[in-house]
Amino acid sequence: MEKTQLPIGKTTVSPEVLVSIAMLATLAVEGVSRLTSAPRDVNTLFKKGLSEGIGLTVEDNVVLYDIYVILKKDVKVREVSRQIQTQVSRSISEMVGMEIGRVNIHVEDIDFKD
């Protein structure tokens, strides 16, 4: 007699978890001072995470990010931005297993404090 393998169930990941993972990955990159609130307009009022500096959209199980950062002085903006993109993509892929569509980095300011 054969045993039929029943599905175990499904796993859902809250958008807040995706925002938290991206936030922690971004802040771990050398040269990032902090995240900043995203500029608001009517089209972004109901998107998750924008108050924390992370804009998140999920379309067909593909994650799309807009990340708003303030960088430290004396860093190479392009290099730090690429590191953020790599770190966020890797973290989401490894921890959640979802595909990353894009990670847009918005440098809002430079922190000149010592």
C-alpha atoms as a PDB file:
ATOM      1  CA  MET A   1       0.000   0.000   0.000  1.00  0.00           C
ATOM      2  CA  GLU A   2       1.397   3.403  -0.990  1.00  0.00           C
ATOM      3  CA  LYS A   3       1.294   6.351   1.347  1.00  0.00           C
ATOM      4  CA  THR A   4       0.027   9.545  -0.233  1.00  0.00           C
ATOM      5  CA  GLN A   5       2.117  12.593   0.581  1.00  0.00           C
ATOM      6  CA  LEU A   6      -0.244  15.307   1.783  1.00  0.00           C
ATOM      7  CA  PRO A   7       0.781  18.943   1.475  1.00  0.00           C
ATOM      8  CA  ILE A   8       2.248  20.204   4.732  1.00  0.00           C
ATOM      9  CA  GLY A   9       0.669  23.647   4.396  1.00  0.00           C
ATOM     10  CA  LYS A  10       1.698  27.049   3.192  1.00  0.00           C
ATOM     11  CA  THR A  11       3.898  29.763   4.588  1.00  0.00           C
ATOM     12  CA  THR A  12       3.018  33.415   4.349  1.00  0.00           C
ATOM     13  CA  VAL A  13       5.421  36.249   5.117  1.00  0.00           C
ATOM     14  CA  SER A  14       4.054  39.525   6.425  1.00  0.00           C
ATOM     15  CA  PRO A  15       5.078  42.701   4.579  1.00  0.00           C
ATOM     16  CA  GLU A  16       6.382  43.999   7.907  1.00  0.00           C
ATOM     17  CA  VAL A  17       8.879  41.125   7.989  1.00  0.00           C
ATOM     18  CA  LEU A  18      10.119  42.036   4.503  1.00  0.00           C
ATOM     19  CA  VAL A  19      10.498  45.653   5.634  1.00  0.00           C
ATOM     20  CA  SER A  20      12.393  44.608   8.794  1.00  0.00           C
ATOM     21  CA  ILE A  21      14.799  42.386   6.871  1.00  0.00           C
ATOM     22  CA  ALA A  22      15.554  45.165   4.368  1.00  0.00           C
ATOM     23  CA  MET A  23      15.979  47.686   7.177  1.00  0.00           C
ATOM     24  CA  LEU A  24      18.472  45.547   9.086  1.00  0.00           C
ATOM     25  CA  ALA A  25      20.379  44.659   5.903  1.00  0.00           C
ATOM     26  CA  THR A  26      20.609  48.330   4.907  1.00  0.00           C
ATOM     27  CA  LEU A  27      21.786  49.522   8.303  1.00  0.00           C
ATOM     28  CA  ALA A  28      24.496  46.827   8.328  1.00  0.00           C
ATOM     29  CA  VAL A  29      26.179  48.377   5.280  1.00  0.00           C
ATOM     30  CA  GLU A  30      29.228  50.490   6.119  1.00  0.00           C
ATOM     31  CA  GLY A  31      28.590  54.115   5.171  1.00  0.00           C
ATOM     32  CA  VAL A  32      24.861  54.192   5.936  1.00  0.00           C
ATOM     33  CA  SER A  33      24.075  56.696   8.673  1.00  0.00           C
ATOM     34  CA  ARG A  34      20.353  55.986   8.936  1.00  0.00           C
ATOM     35  CA  LEU A  35      17.125  55.497   7.049  1.00  0.00           C
ATOM     36  CA  THR A  36      14.828  58.425   6.481  1.00  0.00           C
ATOM     37  CA  SER A  37      11.114  58.729   5.874  1.00  0.00           C
ATOM     38  CA  ALA A  38      10.163  58.574   2.233  1.00  0.00           C
ATOM     39  CA  PRO A  39       8.597  61.634   0.647  1.00  0.00           C
ATOM     40  CA  ARG A  40       4.830  61.245   0.657  1.00  0.00           C
ATOM     41  CA  ASP A  41       2.364  61.788  -2.122  1.00  0.00           C
ATOM     42  CA  VAL A  42      -1.141  60.486  -2.732  1.00  0.00           C
ATOM     43  CA  ASN A  43       0.150  57.375  -4.532  1.00  0.00           C
ATOM     44  CA  THR A  44       2.321  56.280  -1.594  1.00  0.00           C
ATOM     45  CA  LEU A  45      -0.003  56.878   1.353  1.00  0.00           C
ATOM     46  CA  PHE A  46      -0.901  53.226   1.736  1.00  0.00           C
ATOM     47  CA  LYS A  47       2.394  51.502   0.938  1.00  0.00           C
ATOM     48  CA  LYS A  48       3.999  49.506   3.732  1.00  0.00           C
ATOM     49  CA  GLY A  49       7.151  50.668   5.477  1.00  0.00           C
ATOM     50  CA  LEU A  50       7.552  54.140   3.998  1.00  0.00           C
ATOM     51  CA  SER A  51       7.621  55.757   7.436  1.00  0.00           C
ATOM     52  CA  GLU A  52      10.683  53.626   8.224  1.00  0.00           C
ATOM     53  CA  GLY A  53      12.481  54.543   5.004  1.00  0.00           C
ATOM     54  CA  ILE A  54      11.608  51.356   3.141  1.00  0.00           C
ATOM     55  CA  GLY A  55       9.043  51.297   0.340  1.00  0.00           C
ATOM     56  CA  LEU A  56       7.813  47.796  -0.425  1.00  0.00           C
ATOM     57  CA  THR A  57       5.716  46.357  -3.209  1.00  0.00           C
ATOM     58  CA  VAL A  58       5.150  42.667  -3.911  1.00  0.00           C
ATOM     59  CA  GLU A  59       3.940  41.747  -7.390  1.00  0.00           C
ATOM     60  CA  ASP A  60       3.505  38.084  -8.385  1.00  0.00           C
ATOM     61  CA  ASN A  61       5.766  36.945  -5.529  1.00  0.00           C
ATOM     62  CA  VAL A  62       8.527  39.337  -6.660  1.00  0.00           C
ATOM     63  CA  VAL A  63       9.718  41.915  -4.118  1.00  0.00           C
ATOM     64  CA  LEU A  64      10.342  45.522  -5.207  1.00  0.00           C
ATOM     65  CA  TYR A  65      12.024  47.967  -2.831  1.00  0.00           C
ATOM     66  CA  ASP A  66      12.569  51.710  -2.619  1.00  0.00           C
ATOM     67  CA  ILE A  67      15.038  52.462   0.169  1.00  0.00           C
ATOM     68  CA  TYR A  68      15.571  56.021   1.442  1.00  0.00           C
ATOM     69  CA  VAL A  69      18.899  56.565   3.192  1.00  0.00           C
ATOM     70  CA  ILE A  70      21.153  59.203   4.661  1.00  0.00           C
ATOM     71  CA  LEU A  71      24.788  58.339   4.096  1.00  0.00           C
ATOM     72  CA  LYS A  72      27.848  59.227   6.151  1.00  0.00           C
ATOM     73  CA  LYS A  73      30.258  61.821   4.845  1.00  0.00           C
ATOM     74  CA  ASP A  74      33.305  60.777   2.833  1.00  0.00           C
ATOM     75  CA  VAL A  75      31.741  57.657   1.292  1.00  0.00           C
ATOM     76  CA  LYS A  76      31.396  56.724  -2.349  1.00  0.00           C
ATOM     77  CA  VAL A  77      27.666  57.033  -2.953  1.00  0.00           C
ATOM     78  CA  ARG A  78      27.535  54.619  -5.869  1.00  0.00           C
ATOM     79  CA  GLU A  79      29.580  51.991  -4.037  1.00  0.00           C
ATOM     80  CA  VAL A  80      27.485  52.166  -0.857  1.00  0.00           C
ATOM     81  CA  SER A  81      24.278  52.047  -2.919  1.00  0.00           C
ATOM     82  CA  ARG A  82      25.451  48.896  -4.718  1.00  0.00           C
ATOM     83  CA  GLN A  83      26.367  47.307  -1.386  1.00  0.00           C
ATOM     84  CA  ILE A  84      22.879  48.071  -0.045  1.00  0.00           C
ATOM     85  CA  GLN A  85      21.293  46.521  -3.140  1.00  0.00           C
ATOM     86  CA  THR A  86      23.450  43.405  -2.838  1.00  0.00           C
ATOM     87  CA  GLN A  87      22.915  43.025   0.906  1.00  0.00           C
ATOM     88  CA  VAL A  88      19.129  43.464   0.739  1.00  0.00           C
ATOM     89  CA  SER A  89      18.793  41.104  -2.236  1.00  0.00           C
ATOM     90  CA  ARG A  90      20.923  38.435  -0.578  1.00  0.00           C
ATOM     91  CA  SER A  91      19.094  38.733   2.757  1.00  0.00           C
ATOM     92  CA  ILE A  92      15.642  38.380   1.216  1.00  0.00           C
ATOM     93  CA  SER A  93      16.707  35.508  -1.041  1.00  0.00           C
ATOM     94  CA  GLU A  94      18.387  33.572   1.766  1.00  0.00           C
ATOM     95  CA  MET A  95      15.929  34.256   4.585  1.00  0.00           C
ATOM     96  CA  VAL A  96      12.614  34.223   2.752  1.00  0.00           C
ATOM     97  CA  GLY A  97      13.357  32.633  -0.617  1.00  0.00           C
ATOM     98  CA  MET A  98      11.501  35.290  -2.592  1.00  0.00           C
ATOM     99  CA  GLU A  99      12.726  36.754  -5.860  1.00  0.00           C
ATOM    100  CA  ILE A 100      13.936  40.372  -5.922  1.00  0.00           C
ATOM    101  CA  GLY A 101      12.725  42.492  -8.816  1.00  0.00           C
ATOM    102  CA  ARG A 102      14.560  45.685  -7.970  1.00  0.00           C
ATOM    103  CA  VAL A 103      16.112  47.589  -5.091  1.00  0.00           C
ATOM    104  CA  ASN A 104      16.052  51.336  -5.757  1.00  0.00           C
ATOM    105  CA  ILE A 105      18.263  53.417  -3.476  1.00  0.00           C
ATOM    106  CA  HIS A 106      17.316  57.042  -2.822  1.00  0.00           C
ATOM    107  CA  VAL A 107      20.087  59.045  -1.151  1.00  0.00           C
ATOM    108  CA  GLU A 108      18.186  61.806   0.621  1.00  0.00           C
ATOM    109  CA  ASP A 109      21.075  63.503   2.433  1.00  0.00           C
ATOM    110  CA  ILE A 110      24.641  63.243   3.695  1.00  0.00           C
ATOM    111  CA  ASP A 111      25.299  63.225   7.439  1.00  0.00           C
ATOM    112  CA  PHE A 112      28.207  65.607   8.141  1.00  0.00           C
ATOM    113  CA  LYS A 113      28.276  64.995  11.915  1.00  0.00           C
ATOM    114  CA  ASP A 114      31.469  63.508  13.360  1.00  0.00           C
END
